[in-house]
Every structure is written in C-alpha cells, then in structure tokens.
Amino acid sequence: MTIPGSSDLGRFLTVAEAAELLSVEVTTVDGLIRSGELPAIRVGDTGPWRVELTQLQLWIQDRYEDTRRHAQWQEGEFATVLDLSAAGSPPPRLRPVD
C-alpha cells in the first residue's frame, strides 16, 4: 500500500504530517502513539515523536484487516471459523528496524 503523495515525504513523518495523511487531529495520532498502537520513535530523550512512513502504511493495512474481520463477525452466520481466524490471513508482517 502506498499513501498518495508519499514520495514527496521523507522516511520519518512528524505527528502533524501523519495526522494530515490520516485526515485526523494531531491529538488523535498522539494518542495512538502514546497507547503503543502506532509505532513511533522519539528524537532524543524528550524530543518530538516521529512516525516512520512504512510503519504508518503497515498500521493502515492492519486497520483494513481489522475492519474486514469485524464485518465478517457481524455476518456471523455466513462466516466460517477460517474467515474469522488469523489462519485465513497472511502471516503477520515483521516491522523492519533498520
């Protein structure tokens, strides 16, 4: 998955840039980072947060998968155990740390 216009961005995004790409408030992205849901790093001990573009793309793909599973759960009489389990999905992606 590629975020439109992402070729203009660098490897790391500010919280404001990530919020703009997601069309949400900065406080929403900050909350996702602080909860550990959205992987991010701090520059220095107390510096600003930075979100790696590839991590944001993986996080978005994970949200799509969560939505797919939730929709199948809501249509439970039509879904199979394989549809609702992780067995029917590709293996989890490892997040690169280079």
N, C-alpha and C. Protein backbone atom coordinates (compact mmCIF):
# COMPACT_ATOMS: atom_id res chain seq x y z
N MET A 1 0.84 -1.18 0.00
CA MET A 1 0.00 0.00 0.00
C MET A 1 0.88 1.24 0.00
N THR A 2 0.53 2.20 -0.78
CA THR A 2 1.28 3.44 -0.83
C THR A 2 0.32 4.60 -0.59
N ILE A 3 0.73 5.50 0.25
CA ILE A 3 -0.08 6.68 0.54
C ILE A 3 0.14 7.68 -0.58
N PRO A 4 -0.94 8.20 -1.18
CA PRO A 4 -0.77 9.17 -2.26
C PRO A 4 0.07 10.35 -1.80
N GLY A 5 1.01 10.76 -2.63
CA GLY A 5 1.86 11.89 -2.31
C GLY A 5 3.00 11.55 -1.36
N SER A 6 3.12 10.27 -0.99
CA SER A 6 4.14 9.89 -0.02
C SER A 6 5.55 9.96 -0.58
N SER A 7 5.68 9.99 -1.91
CA SER A 7 7.01 10.08 -2.50
C SER A 7 7.65 11.43 -2.19
N ASP A 8 6.84 12.43 -1.85
CA ASP A 8 7.35 13.76 -1.50
C ASP A 8 7.81 13.81 -0.05
N LEU A 9 7.43 12.83 0.74
CA LEU A 9 7.76 12.82 2.15
C LEU A 9 9.06 12.08 2.38
N GLY A 10 9.68 12.35 3.50
CA GLY A 10 10.89 11.63 3.86
C GLY A 10 10.54 10.33 4.54
N ARG A 11 11.56 9.70 5.12
CA ARG A 11 11.35 8.42 5.80
C ARG A 11 10.51 8.59 7.06
N PHE A 12 10.74 9.70 7.77
CA PHE A 12 10.03 9.93 9.03
C PHE A 12 9.08 11.10 8.90
N LEU A 13 7.91 10.94 9.51
CA LEU A 13 6.87 11.97 9.49
C LEU A 13 6.75 12.59 10.87
N THR A 14 6.39 13.86 10.91
CA THR A 14 6.03 14.47 12.19
C THR A 14 4.63 13.96 12.55
N VAL A 15 4.23 14.20 13.77
CA VAL A 15 2.88 13.82 14.19
C VAL A 15 1.86 14.59 13.36
N ALA A 16 2.14 15.84 13.07
CA ALA A 16 1.21 16.65 12.26
C ALA A 16 1.10 16.10 10.83
N GLU A 17 2.21 15.67 10.25
CA GLU A 17 2.16 15.11 8.89
C GLU A 17 1.38 13.79 8.88
N ALA A 18 1.60 12.95 9.89
CA ALA A 18 0.84 11.69 9.97
C ALA A 18 -0.65 11.98 10.14
N ALA A 19 -0.98 12.96 10.96
CA ALA A 19 -2.38 13.33 11.16
C ALA A 19 -3.00 13.85 9.87
N GLU A 20 -2.24 14.63 9.12
CA GLU A 20 -2.75 15.16 7.85
C GLU A 20 -3.01 14.03 6.86
N LEU A 21 -2.09 13.05 6.78
CA LEU A 21 -2.28 11.93 5.86
C LEU A 21 -3.50 11.09 6.24
N LEU A 22 -3.77 10.99 7.54
CA LEU A 22 -4.92 10.21 8.01
C LEU A 22 -6.20 11.04 8.07
N SER A 23 -6.08 12.34 7.86
CA SER A 23 -7.23 13.27 7.95
C SER A 23 -7.87 13.22 9.33
N VAL A 24 -7.02 13.27 10.35
CA VAL A 24 -7.48 13.30 11.74
C VAL A 24 -6.74 14.41 12.47
N GLU A 25 -7.15 14.67 13.71
CA GLU A 25 -6.49 15.67 14.54
C GLU A 25 -5.14 15.17 15.02
N VAL A 26 -4.25 16.08 15.30
CA VAL A 26 -2.93 15.75 15.83
C VAL A 26 -3.07 15.00 17.15
N THR A 27 -4.04 15.38 17.97
CA THR A 27 -4.23 14.71 19.27
C THR A 27 -4.61 13.23 19.08
N THR A 28 -5.29 12.92 18.01
CA THR A 28 -5.65 11.52 17.74
C THR A 28 -4.39 10.70 17.47
N VAL A 29 -3.51 11.20 16.62
CA VAL A 29 -2.26 10.49 16.32
C VAL A 29 -1.39 10.41 17.57
N ASP A 30 -1.33 11.49 18.33
CA ASP A 30 -0.55 11.49 19.57
C ASP A 30 -1.07 10.41 20.53
N GLY A 31 -2.38 10.27 20.62
CA GLY A 31 -2.97 9.23 21.47
C GLY A 31 -2.64 7.83 20.99
N LEU A 32 -2.66 7.62 19.67
CA LEU A 32 -2.30 6.32 19.10
C LEU A 32 -0.84 5.97 19.40
N ILE A 33 0.02 6.98 19.33
CA ILE A 33 1.44 6.76 19.64
C ILE A 33 1.63 6.43 21.11
N ARG A 34 1.03 7.23 21.98
CA ARG A 34 1.21 7.04 23.43
C ARG A 34 0.61 5.73 23.92
N SER A 35 -0.44 5.24 23.24
CA SER A 35 -1.03 3.96 23.64
C SER A 35 -0.22 2.78 23.12
N GLY A 36 0.71 3.05 22.19
CA GLY A 36 1.52 1.98 21.62
C GLY A 36 0.89 1.35 20.39
N GLU A 37 -0.27 1.83 20.00
CA GLU A 37 -0.94 1.25 18.83
C GLU A 37 -0.23 1.61 17.53
N LEU A 38 0.29 2.83 17.44
CA LEU A 38 1.01 3.28 16.26
C LEU A 38 2.49 3.39 16.62
N PRO A 39 3.34 2.56 16.01
CA PRO A 39 4.77 2.60 16.33
C PRO A 39 5.38 3.96 15.96
N ALA A 40 6.16 4.49 16.87
CA ALA A 40 6.84 5.76 16.64
C ALA A 40 8.10 5.81 17.49
N ILE A 41 8.97 6.74 17.18
CA ILE A 41 10.19 6.93 17.96
C ILE A 41 10.26 8.38 18.42
N ARG A 42 11.04 8.58 19.46
CA ARG A 42 11.31 9.93 19.93
C ARG A 42 12.72 10.31 19.52
N VAL A 43 12.89 11.53 19.08
CA VAL A 43 14.21 12.03 18.74
C VAL A 43 14.79 12.62 20.03
N GLY A 44 15.76 11.90 20.60
CA GLY A 44 16.31 12.32 21.89
C GLY A 44 15.41 11.84 23.02
N ASP A 45 15.77 12.22 24.25
CA ASP A 45 15.01 11.76 25.42
C ASP A 45 13.63 12.40 25.50
N THR A 46 13.54 13.65 25.16
CA THR A 46 12.25 14.35 25.28
C THR A 46 11.88 15.07 24.00
N GLY A 47 12.53 14.70 22.91
CA GLY A 47 12.28 15.37 21.63
C GLY A 47 10.94 14.99 21.03
N PRO A 48 10.69 15.49 19.83
CA PRO A 48 9.41 15.23 19.18
C PRO A 48 9.28 13.79 18.69
N TRP A 49 8.05 13.32 18.61
CA TRP A 49 7.76 11.99 18.06
C TRP A 49 7.92 12.02 16.55
N ARG A 50 8.37 10.88 16.00
CA ARG A 50 8.44 10.70 14.56
C ARG A 50 7.85 9.34 14.22
N VAL A 51 7.06 9.31 13.15
CA VAL A 51 6.42 8.08 12.69
C VAL A 51 7.07 7.71 11.36
N GLU A 52 7.59 6.51 11.28
CA GLU A 52 8.19 6.06 10.03
C GLU A 52 7.07 5.80 9.02
N LEU A 53 7.25 6.27 7.81
CA LEU A 53 6.21 6.16 6.78
C LEU A 53 5.81 4.71 6.56
N THR A 54 6.78 3.79 6.52
CA THR A 54 6.43 2.38 6.30
C THR A 54 5.61 1.83 7.46
N GLN A 55 5.88 2.29 8.68
CA GLN A 55 5.09 1.84 9.84
C GLN A 55 3.66 2.34 9.74
N LEU A 56 3.49 3.57 9.28
CA LEU A 56 2.15 4.12 9.10
C LEU A 56 1.39 3.32 8.04
N GLN A 57 2.06 2.97 6.96
CA GLN A 57 1.42 2.18 5.90
C GLN A 57 1.01 0.80 6.43
N LEU A 58 1.88 0.15 7.22
CA LEU A 58 1.54 -1.15 7.81
C LEU A 58 0.38 -1.02 8.78
N TRP A 59 0.38 0.05 9.57
CA TRP A 59 -0.70 0.28 10.53
C TRP A 59 -2.04 0.44 9.81
N ILE A 60 -2.04 1.16 8.69
CA ILE A 60 -3.26 1.34 7.91
C ILE A 60 -3.74 -0.01 7.37
N GLN A 61 -2.83 -0.82 6.85
CA GLN A 61 -3.21 -2.16 6.35
C GLN A 61 -3.81 -3.00 7.47
N ASP A 62 -3.24 -2.91 8.67
CA ASP A 62 -3.77 -3.65 9.81
C ASP A 62 -5.19 -3.19 10.15
N ARG A 63 -5.47 -1.91 10.04
CA ARG A 63 -6.82 -1.40 10.32
C ARG A 63 -7.81 -1.95 9.29
N TYR A 64 -7.39 -2.04 8.02
CA TYR A 64 -8.26 -2.63 7.00
C TYR A 64 -8.57 -4.09 7.34
N GLU A 65 -7.57 -4.83 7.78
CA GLU A 65 -7.79 -6.23 8.15
C GLU A 65 -8.73 -6.33 9.36
N ASP A 66 -8.57 -5.47 10.34
CA ASP A 66 -9.47 -5.45 11.50
C ASP A 66 -10.90 -5.19 11.05
N THR A 67 -11.06 -4.26 10.13
CA THR A 67 -12.40 -3.93 9.62
C THR A 67 -13.01 -5.11 8.88
N ARG A 68 -12.18 -5.80 8.08
CA ARG A 68 -12.66 -6.98 7.34
C ARG A 68 -13.16 -8.04 8.31
N ARG A 69 -12.37 -8.32 9.34
CA ARG A 69 -12.77 -9.35 10.31
C ARG A 69 -14.02 -8.94 11.08
N HIS A 70 -14.10 -7.67 11.44
CA HIS A 70 -15.28 -7.20 12.17
C HIS A 70 -16.54 -7.35 11.31
N ALA A 71 -16.43 -7.01 10.02
CA ALA A 71 -17.57 -7.14 9.12
C ALA A 71 -17.99 -8.59 8.99
N GLN A 72 -17.03 -9.50 8.91
CA GLN A 72 -17.37 -10.92 8.81
C GLN A 72 -17.99 -11.43 10.11
N TRP A 73 -17.52 -10.91 11.23
CA TRP A 73 -18.09 -11.31 12.51
C TRP A 73 -19.56 -10.87 12.59
N GLN A 74 -19.86 -9.68 12.10
CA GLN A 74 -21.22 -9.17 12.11
C GLN A 74 -22.15 -10.00 11.22
N GLU A 75 -21.58 -10.63 10.21
CA GLU A 75 -22.33 -11.51 9.33
C GLU A 75 -22.04 -12.95 9.72
N GLY A 76 -21.97 -13.19 11.02
CA GLY A 76 -21.51 -14.46 11.59
C GLY A 76 -22.12 -15.71 11.00
N GLU A 77 -23.38 -15.70 10.63
CA GLU A 77 -23.97 -16.93 10.11
C GLU A 77 -23.39 -17.31 8.75
N PHE A 78 -22.73 -16.36 8.09
CA PHE A 78 -22.15 -16.63 6.78
C PHE A 78 -20.65 -16.85 6.84
N ALA A 79 -20.01 -16.43 7.93
CA ALA A 79 -18.55 -16.55 8.04
C ALA A 79 -18.17 -17.91 8.61
N THR A 80 -17.03 -18.39 8.20
CA THR A 80 -16.50 -19.64 8.75
C THR A 80 -15.43 -19.30 9.77
N VAL A 81 -15.06 -20.29 10.56
CA VAL A 81 -14.00 -20.10 11.55
C VAL A 81 -12.72 -19.66 10.85
N LEU A 82 -12.45 -20.23 9.69
CA LEU A 82 -11.25 -19.86 8.95
C LEU A 82 -11.28 -18.38 8.55
N ASP A 83 -12.46 -17.86 8.16
CA ASP A 83 -12.59 -16.45 7.79
C ASP A 83 -12.28 -15.53 8.97
N LEU A 84 -12.69 -15.93 10.16
CA LEU A 84 -12.56 -15.07 11.33
C LEU A 84 -11.24 -15.24 12.05
N SER A 85 -10.51 -16.28 11.75
CA SER A 85 -9.25 -16.52 12.44
C SER A 85 -8.09 -15.94 11.65
N ALA A 86 -6.97 -15.90 12.28
CA ALA A 86 -5.76 -15.42 11.61
C ALA A 86 -5.26 -16.46 10.60
N ALA A 87 -5.79 -17.69 10.66
CA ALA A 87 -5.34 -18.75 9.76
C ALA A 87 -5.68 -18.43 8.31
N GLY A 88 -6.74 -17.68 8.09
CA GLY A 88 -7.13 -17.33 6.74
C GLY A 88 -6.42 -16.11 6.19
N SER A 89 -5.57 -15.51 7.02
CA SER A 89 -4.86 -14.29 6.64
C SER A 89 -3.40 -14.58 6.39
N PRO A 90 -2.75 -13.68 5.68
CA PRO A 90 -1.32 -13.85 5.52
C PRO A 90 -0.63 -13.72 6.88
N PRO A 91 0.56 -14.29 7.03
CA PRO A 91 1.24 -14.18 8.31
C PRO A 91 1.51 -12.72 8.67
N PRO A 92 1.58 -12.41 9.97
CA PRO A 92 1.82 -11.02 10.35
C PRO A 92 3.13 -10.51 9.77
N ARG A 93 3.12 -9.27 9.38
CA ARG A 93 4.32 -8.66 8.81
C ARG A 93 5.26 -8.24 9.93
N LEU A 94 6.53 -8.52 9.72
CA LEU A 94 7.53 -8.04 10.65
C LEU A 94 7.84 -6.61 10.29
N ARG A 95 7.95 -5.80 11.29
CA ARG A 95 8.26 -4.38 11.06
C ARG A 95 9.78 -4.22 11.03
N PRO A 96 10.33 -3.72 9.94
CA PRO A 96 11.77 -3.57 9.87
C PRO A 96 12.27 -2.53 10.87
N VAL A 97 13.44 -2.75 11.40
CA VAL A 97 14.01 -1.84 12.38
C VAL A 97 15.34 -1.25 11.94
N ASP A 98 15.64 -1.33 10.65
CA ASP A 98 16.93 -0.84 10.19
C ASP A 98 17.02 0.65 10.22
